[in-house]
Amino acid sequence: MPTYRVLVNGKFDRPDAETRARLLAELSDHQAIGFTEDGLFTYSAHLGAFTYRITLRGEEEREVLDEAELKVMELLDAKGYPYRDVAGKATCMDDIKIRRR
């Protein structure tokens, strides 16, 4: 089964003052960069947009994109964070060719 790196972007949808305070309090926990099998949720203090990076295995790109988008929406719903414009991009790691000198 191919391995994909999926990058899901979205925007916070006008969080209220309490939600903004919770997001800012957790900001230091969401500053890592990279792709993991568990997924990394990141955002800046601006609280405009967020990114979710995850490594998944699947037969088709659309299947993997749907799974990643669903994971980030479940995460946001569980925390009560309003969101919109969730869209992902997947890169098949098996298709990447590394040039050696």
C-alpha atoms as a PDB file:
ATOM      1  CA  MET A   1       0.000   0.000   0.000  1.00  0.00           C
ATOM      2  CA  PRO A   2       1.397   3.437  -0.909  1.00  0.00           C
ATOM      3  CA  THR A   3       2.393   5.927   1.790  1.00  0.00           C
ATOM      4  CA  TYR A   4       1.066   9.478   1.567  1.00  0.00           C
ATOM      5  CA  ARG A   5       1.976  12.675   3.336  1.00  0.00           C
ATOM      6  CA  VAL A   6      -1.194  14.701   3.692  1.00  0.00           C
ATOM      7  CA  LEU A   7      -1.309  18.419   4.421  1.00  0.00           C
ATOM      8  CA  VAL A   8      -4.749  19.686   5.477  1.00  0.00           C
ATOM      9  CA  ASN A   9      -5.307  23.441   5.723  1.00  0.00           C
ATOM     10  CA  GLY A  10      -8.281  25.237   7.184  1.00  0.00           C
ATOM     11  CA  LYS A  11      -9.368  28.395   8.960  1.00  0.00           C
ATOM     12  CA  PHE A  12     -10.750  29.040  12.403  1.00  0.00           C
ATOM     13  CA  ASP A  13     -14.298  30.363  12.001  1.00  0.00           C
ATOM     14  CA  ARG A  14     -14.517  33.412  14.255  1.00  0.00           C
ATOM     15  CA  PRO A  15     -13.741  31.794  17.621  1.00  0.00           C
ATOM     16  CA  ASP A  16     -15.317  33.541  20.613  1.00  0.00           C
ATOM     17  CA  ALA A  17     -13.191  35.060  23.391  1.00  0.00           C
ATOM     18  CA  GLU A  18     -13.184  31.885  25.511  1.00  0.00           C
ATOM     19  CA  THR A  19     -12.143  29.701  22.564  1.00  0.00           C
ATOM     20  CA  ARG A  20      -9.423  32.185  21.568  1.00  0.00           C
ATOM     21  CA  ALA A  21      -8.069  32.087  25.120  1.00  0.00           C
ATOM     22  CA  ARG A  22      -7.974  28.250  25.068  1.00  0.00           C
ATOM     23  CA  LEU A  23      -6.247  28.236  21.668  1.00  0.00           C
ATOM     24  CA  LEU A  24      -3.638  30.747  22.824  1.00  0.00           C
ATOM     25  CA  ALA A  25      -3.065  28.803  26.060  1.00  0.00           C
ATOM     26  CA  GLU A  26      -2.352  25.651  24.015  1.00  0.00           C
ATOM     27  CA  LEU A  27      -0.272  27.445  21.365  1.00  0.00           C
ATOM     28  CA  SER A  28       3.095  26.122  22.542  1.00  0.00           C
ATOM     29  CA  ASP A  29       1.783  22.545  22.173  1.00  0.00           C
ATOM     30  CA  HIS A  30       0.983  23.166  18.498  1.00  0.00           C
ATOM     31  CA  GLN A  31       4.208  24.570  17.070  1.00  0.00           C
ATOM     32  CA  ALA A  32       5.917  21.377  15.833  1.00  0.00           C
ATOM     33  CA  ILE A  33       6.625  20.926  12.136  1.00  0.00           C
ATOM     34  CA  GLY A  34       6.691  17.645  10.260  1.00  0.00           C
ATOM     35  CA  PHE A  35       4.556  14.676   9.353  1.00  0.00           C
ATOM     36  CA  THR A  36       3.699  11.896  11.814  1.00  0.00           C
ATOM     37  CA  GLU A  37       1.441   8.867  11.799  1.00  0.00           C
ATOM     38  CA  ASP A  38      -0.622  10.428  14.605  1.00  0.00           C
ATOM     39  CA  GLY A  39      -0.820  13.816  12.878  1.00  0.00           C
ATOM     40  CA  LEU A  40       0.443  17.249  13.922  1.00  0.00           C
ATOM     41  CA  PHE A  41      -1.990  20.115  14.389  1.00  0.00           C
ATOM     42  CA  THR A  42      -0.339  23.543  14.139  1.00  0.00           C
ATOM     43  CA  TYR A  43      -1.427  27.173  14.136  1.00  0.00           C
ATOM     44  CA  SER A  44      -0.036  30.614  14.910  1.00  0.00           C
ATOM     45  CA  ALA A  45      -0.999  33.210  17.516  1.00  0.00           C
ATOM     46  CA  HIS A  46      -2.902  35.054  14.784  1.00  0.00           C
ATOM     47  CA  LEU A  47      -5.559  32.295  14.998  1.00  0.00           C
ATOM     48  CA  GLY A  48      -6.514  32.741  11.367  1.00  0.00           C
ATOM     49  CA  ALA A  49      -5.538  29.428   9.835  1.00  0.00           C
ATOM     50  CA  PHE A  50      -4.395  25.984  10.937  1.00  0.00           C
ATOM     51  CA  THR A  51      -2.498  23.084   9.395  1.00  0.00           C
ATOM     52  CA  TYR A  52      -2.710  19.359  10.038  1.00  0.00           C
ATOM     53  CA  ARG A  53       0.127  17.135   8.794  1.00  0.00           C
ATOM     54  CA  ILE A  54      -0.193  13.361   8.798  1.00  0.00           C
ATOM     55  CA  THR A  55       1.367  10.296   7.168  1.00  0.00           C
ATOM     56  CA  LEU A  56      -1.179   7.704   6.020  1.00  0.00           C
ATOM     57  CA  ARG A  57      -1.203   4.529   3.974  1.00  0.00           C
ATOM     58  CA  GLY A  58      -3.955   3.866   1.458  1.00  0.00           C
ATOM     59  CA  GLU A  59      -4.801   2.548  -1.958  1.00  0.00           C
ATOM     60  CA  GLU A  60      -6.119   5.803  -3.430  1.00  0.00           C
ATOM     61  CA  GLU A  61      -5.273   9.454  -2.911  1.00  0.00           C
ATOM     62  CA  ARG A  62      -8.923  10.492  -2.458  1.00  0.00           C
ATOM     63  CA  GLU A  63      -9.393   7.871   0.272  1.00  0.00           C
ATOM     64  CA  VAL A  64      -6.349   9.177   2.154  1.00  0.00           C
ATOM     65  CA  LEU A  65      -7.421  12.813   1.750  1.00  0.00           C
ATOM     66  CA  ASP A  66     -10.893  12.045   3.096  1.00  0.00           C
ATOM     67  CA  GLU A  67      -9.427  10.202   6.087  1.00  0.00           C
ATOM     68  CA  ALA A  68      -7.053  13.070   6.944  1.00  0.00           C
ATOM     69  CA  GLU A  69      -9.757  15.730   6.583  1.00  0.00           C
ATOM     70  CA  LEU A  70     -12.112  13.694   8.753  1.00  0.00           C
ATOM     71  CA  LYS A  71      -9.415  13.264  11.436  1.00  0.00           C
ATOM     72  CA  VAL A  72      -8.772  17.003  11.718  1.00  0.00           C
ATOM     73  CA  MET A  73     -12.497  17.820  11.761  1.00  0.00           C
ATOM     74  CA  GLU A  74     -13.052  15.253  14.545  1.00  0.00           C
ATOM     75  CA  LEU A  75     -10.152  16.787  16.499  1.00  0.00           C
ATOM     76  CA  LEU A  76     -11.579  20.296  16.124  1.00  0.00           C
ATOM     77  CA  ASP A  77     -15.125  19.182  16.977  1.00  0.00           C
ATOM     78  CA  ALA A  78     -13.900  17.356  20.093  1.00  0.00           C
ATOM     79  CA  LYS A  79     -12.198  20.526  21.335  1.00  0.00           C
ATOM     80  CA  GLY A  80     -15.104  22.775  20.331  1.00  0.00           C
ATOM     81  CA  TYR A  81     -13.064  24.866  17.909  1.00  0.00           C
ATOM     82  CA  PRO A  82     -15.098  26.418  15.067  1.00  0.00           C
ATOM     83  CA  TYR A  83     -13.589  25.902  11.603  1.00  0.00           C
ATOM     84  CA  ARG A  84     -14.211  26.307   7.887  1.00  0.00           C
ATOM     85  CA  ASP A  85     -12.542  25.827   4.493  1.00  0.00           C
ATOM     86  CA  VAL A  86     -10.916  22.468   5.296  1.00  0.00           C
ATOM     87  CA  ALA A  87      -9.023  21.126   2.271  1.00  0.00           C
ATOM     88  CA  GLY A  88      -6.129  18.740   1.907  1.00  0.00           C
ATOM     89  CA  LYS A  89      -3.315  17.894  -0.479  1.00  0.00           C
ATOM     90  CA  ALA A  90      -1.615  14.511  -0.613  1.00  0.00           C
ATOM     91  CA  THR A  91       1.816  13.515  -1.882  1.00  0.00           C
ATOM     92  CA  CYS A  92       2.560   9.872  -2.587  1.00  0.00           C
ATOM     93  CA  MET A  93       5.976   9.194  -1.114  1.00  0.00           C
ATOM     94  CA  ASP A  94       6.392   6.114  -3.326  1.00  0.00           C
ATOM     95  CA  ASP A  95       6.293   8.341  -6.430  1.00  0.00           C
ATOM     96  CA  ILE A  96       9.043  10.707  -5.283  1.00  0.00           C
ATOM     97  CA  LYS A  97      12.340  10.158  -7.033  1.00  0.00           C
ATOM     98  CA  ILE A  98      15.525  11.241  -5.297  1.00  0.00           C
ATOM     99  CA  ARG A  99      18.327  12.440  -7.532  1.00  0.00           C
ATOM    100  CA  ARG A 100      21.735  11.353  -6.391  1.00  0.00           C
ATOM    101  CA  ARG A 101      24.844  13.222  -7.511  1.00  0.00           C
END
